[in-house]
Each structure stands twice: as C-alpha cells, then as structure tokens.
C-alpha cells in the first residue's frame, strides 16, 4: 500500500500537492496584507479568505485521488455478463417484415405516392431513350 505511494507518478503528485497548497496559503497571506494596507479593499479581504479554501481543496482532491486509485487497483475484475438476446418474434410490439408487407398491400395506394412513382418511371424512360439515342433532349 505504501509502496504504491513511492512510484514516480505519486511522487510527482506529492510534490505538486505541496507546492499548490503552499502557493494558495501564500497568496491568501498576501491578500490579507493587501487588505490591511491603506488602499486595501473588501475584495482583497475576500481573496484573503478564498485562497486558503483553495489550498484546503488540494489535500481533499489528493485524498480523493488516492482512494479512487486504491479502489481501482484492489477491485477484482468481474466477468461481463452474457448479453441478453431476444428473438424478433418474442419482442413485444414488433412486427416481422412479412407482416409489414401484408399490411402495406392491403391498404389503398396513396395518390401522391402513385404520382411520384409515375414521375420516376417517366424519368427512367427518358434516361433509357437518351442512352439509346445518344442525344440529350432539353425541355
């Protein structure tokens, strides 16, 4: 457990945490001094209280990172459960393709769809005629 804290990654995190915490406390002290000067303001006083809170956030995140890393390394990998496969026929509310085809053939043809299909057939005939004739006809 302690050995993990002596890896290069964790040694770098130790150093960064200490430097960040000291920097935040030093900035808080500087803002406190600025607030007590003649031209100091309430903003400086607010920063004097804010910087130490940032400094206390550093060890909290350090501890949280350590706990997450420990939990991840001690956790035994669990086998993934087999996916649940349901057949299409057994799925509720689903229709098979043959049911859709039967339902489509029983309904009345749509007038707009019929006109569109006629238009596509006409375009196809023009394209075939242009291929055979070799000349392009512009209308």
Protein backbone atom coordinates (compact mmCIF):
# COMPACT_ATOMS: atom_id res chain seq x y z
CA UNK A 1 0.00 0.00 0.00
CA UNK A 2 2.73 2.45 0.96
CA UNK A 3 4.86 1.15 -1.89
CA UNK A 4 2.31 2.49 -4.37
CA UNK A 5 2.80 6.00 -2.91
CA UNK A 6 6.50 5.85 -3.82
CA UNK A 7 6.03 5.38 -7.56
CA UNK A 8 7.19 8.24 -9.80
CA UNK A 9 3.61 9.23 -10.59
CA UNK A 10 2.70 9.55 -6.93
CA UNK A 11 5.96 11.32 -6.03
CA UNK A 12 5.12 13.92 -8.64
CA UNK A 13 1.61 14.23 -7.20
CA UNK A 14 3.09 14.67 -3.69
CA UNK A 15 5.30 17.49 -4.90
CA UNK A 16 2.53 19.19 -6.89
CA UNK A 17 0.10 18.98 -3.98
CA UNK A 18 2.58 20.51 -1.52
CA UNK A 19 3.57 23.29 -3.93
CA UNK A 20 -0.06 24.10 -4.80
CA UNK A 21 -1.11 24.14 -1.16
CA UNK A 22 1.79 26.38 -0.11
CA UNK A 23 1.17 28.71 -3.05
CA UNK A 24 -2.51 29.08 -2.15
CA UNK A 25 -1.75 29.82 1.51
CA UNK A 26 0.94 32.31 0.50
CA UNK A 27 -1.48 34.08 -1.87
CA UNK A 28 -4.04 34.23 0.94
CA UNK A 29 -1.46 35.81 3.24
CA UNK A 30 -0.51 38.33 0.54
CA UNK A 31 -4.16 39.30 0.05
CA UNK A 32 -4.55 39.69 3.83
CA UNK A 33 -1.61 42.09 3.85
CA UNK A 34 -3.09 43.98 0.90
CA UNK A 35 -6.47 44.26 2.68
CA UNK A 36 -4.77 45.81 5.73
CA UNK A 37 -2.92 48.45 3.70
CA UNK A 38 -4.29 51.95 3.22
CA UNK A 39 -5.58 51.25 -0.29
CA UNK A 40 -6.85 47.76 0.57
CA UNK A 41 -10.46 46.86 -0.18
CA UNK A 42 -13.10 44.31 0.71
CA UNK A 43 -12.16 42.48 -2.46
CA UNK A 44 -8.70 41.86 -1.02
CA UNK A 45 -10.28 40.61 2.19
CA UNK A 46 -12.49 38.25 0.19
CA UNK A 47 -9.48 36.89 -1.67
CA UNK A 48 -7.64 36.51 1.64
CA UNK A 49 -10.40 34.14 2.73
CA UNK A 50 -10.77 32.46 -0.65
CA UNK A 51 -7.16 31.43 -1.26
CA UNK A 52 -6.86 29.26 1.88
CA UNK A 53 -10.05 27.46 0.82
CA UNK A 54 -8.39 26.69 -2.49
CA UNK A 55 -5.38 25.46 -0.51
CA UNK A 56 -7.59 23.10 1.53
CA UNK A 57 -9.17 21.80 -1.66
CA UNK A 58 -5.79 20.44 -2.78
CA UNK A 59 -5.41 17.84 0.02
CA UNK A 60 -9.07 16.88 -0.39
CA UNK A 61 -8.53 16.11 -4.08
CA UNK A 62 -5.26 14.36 -3.26
CA UNK A 63 -7.07 12.10 -0.76
CA UNK A 64 -9.93 11.51 -3.21
CA UNK A 65 -7.50 10.55 -5.99
CA UNK A 66 -5.71 8.15 -3.65
CA UNK A 67 -8.99 6.49 -2.63
CA UNK A 68 -10.13 6.10 -6.24
CA UNK A 69 -6.77 4.66 -7.26
CA UNK A 70 -6.82 2.23 -4.32
CA UNK A 71 -10.34 1.10 -5.14
CA UNK A 72 -9.44 0.60 -8.79
CA UNK A 73 -6.32 -1.46 -8.04
CA UNK A 74 -7.92 -3.70 -5.37
CA UNK A 75 -11.11 -4.35 -7.30
CA UNK A 76 -11.22 -7.84 -8.78
CA UNK A 77 -12.19 -7.80 -12.43
CA UNK A 78 -15.66 -9.24 -12.74
CA UNK A 79 -16.58 -11.25 -15.79
CA UNK A 80 -19.02 -9.44 -18.01
CA UNK A 81 -22.46 -10.98 -18.08
CA UNK A 82 -23.58 -12.59 -21.30
CA UNK A 83 -25.76 -10.29 -23.39
CA UNK A 84 -29.46 -10.99 -23.33
CA UNK A 85 -30.67 -11.92 -26.80
CA UNK A 86 -34.34 -11.83 -27.55
CA UNK A 87 -35.76 -13.17 -30.75
CA UNK A 88 -37.57 -10.75 -33.02
CA UNK A 89 -40.79 -12.73 -32.81
CA UNK A 90 -40.70 -12.71 -29.00
CA UNK A 91 -40.14 -8.96 -28.71
CA UNK A 92 -43.34 -7.18 -27.73
CA UNK A 93 -44.78 -4.64 -30.12
CA UNK A 94 -42.63 -5.62 -33.11
CA UNK A 95 -43.79 -6.84 -36.49
CA UNK A 96 -41.96 -9.10 -38.85
CA UNK A 97 -41.19 -7.81 -42.38
CA UNK A 98 -43.80 -10.12 -43.87
CA UNK A 99 -46.46 -8.61 -41.61
CA UNK A 100 -45.48 -5.13 -42.81
CA UNK A 101 -45.68 -6.20 -46.44
CA UNK A 102 -49.11 -7.73 -45.91
CA UNK A 103 -50.32 -4.58 -44.14
CA UNK A 104 -48.98 -2.38 -46.95
CA UNK A 105 -50.59 -4.42 -49.72
CA UNK A 106 -53.98 -4.35 -48.02
CA UNK A 107 -54.11 -0.57 -47.73
CA UNK A 108 -55.23 1.68 -50.57
CA UNK A 109 -52.49 3.19 -52.72
CA UNK A 110 -51.58 6.74 -51.86
CA UNK A 111 -52.35 9.26 -54.64
CA UNK A 112 -49.19 11.32 -54.02
CA UNK A 113 -47.04 8.19 -53.95
CA UNK A 114 -48.62 6.97 -57.19
CA UNK A 115 -47.87 10.31 -58.93
CA UNK A 116 -44.29 10.24 -57.64
CA UNK A 117 -43.77 6.67 -58.89
CA UNK A 118 -45.20 7.66 -62.31
CA UNK A 119 -42.79 10.62 -62.41
CA UNK A 120 -39.83 8.35 -61.61
CA UNK A 121 -40.92 5.88 -64.30
CA UNK A 122 -41.08 8.74 -66.83
CA UNK A 123 -37.60 9.91 -65.87
CA UNK A 124 -36.33 6.37 -66.24
CA UNK A 125 -37.84 6.11 -69.74
CA UNK A 126 -36.18 9.41 -70.74
CA UNK A 127 -32.83 8.21 -69.45
CA UNK A 128 -33.15 4.95 -71.39
CA UNK A 129 -34.11 6.86 -74.54
CA UNK A 130 -31.09 9.17 -74.14
CA UNK A 131 -28.76 6.21 -73.72
CA UNK A 132 -30.04 4.59 -76.90
CA UNK A 133 -30.26 7.76 -78.96
CA UNK A 134 -27.06 9.34 -77.72
CA UNK A 135 -28.57 12.83 -77.92
CA UNK A 136 -29.70 14.82 -74.96
CA UNK A 137 -33.15 16.33 -75.04
CA UNK A 138 -33.69 19.55 -73.07
CA UNK A 139 -37.20 20.60 -72.27
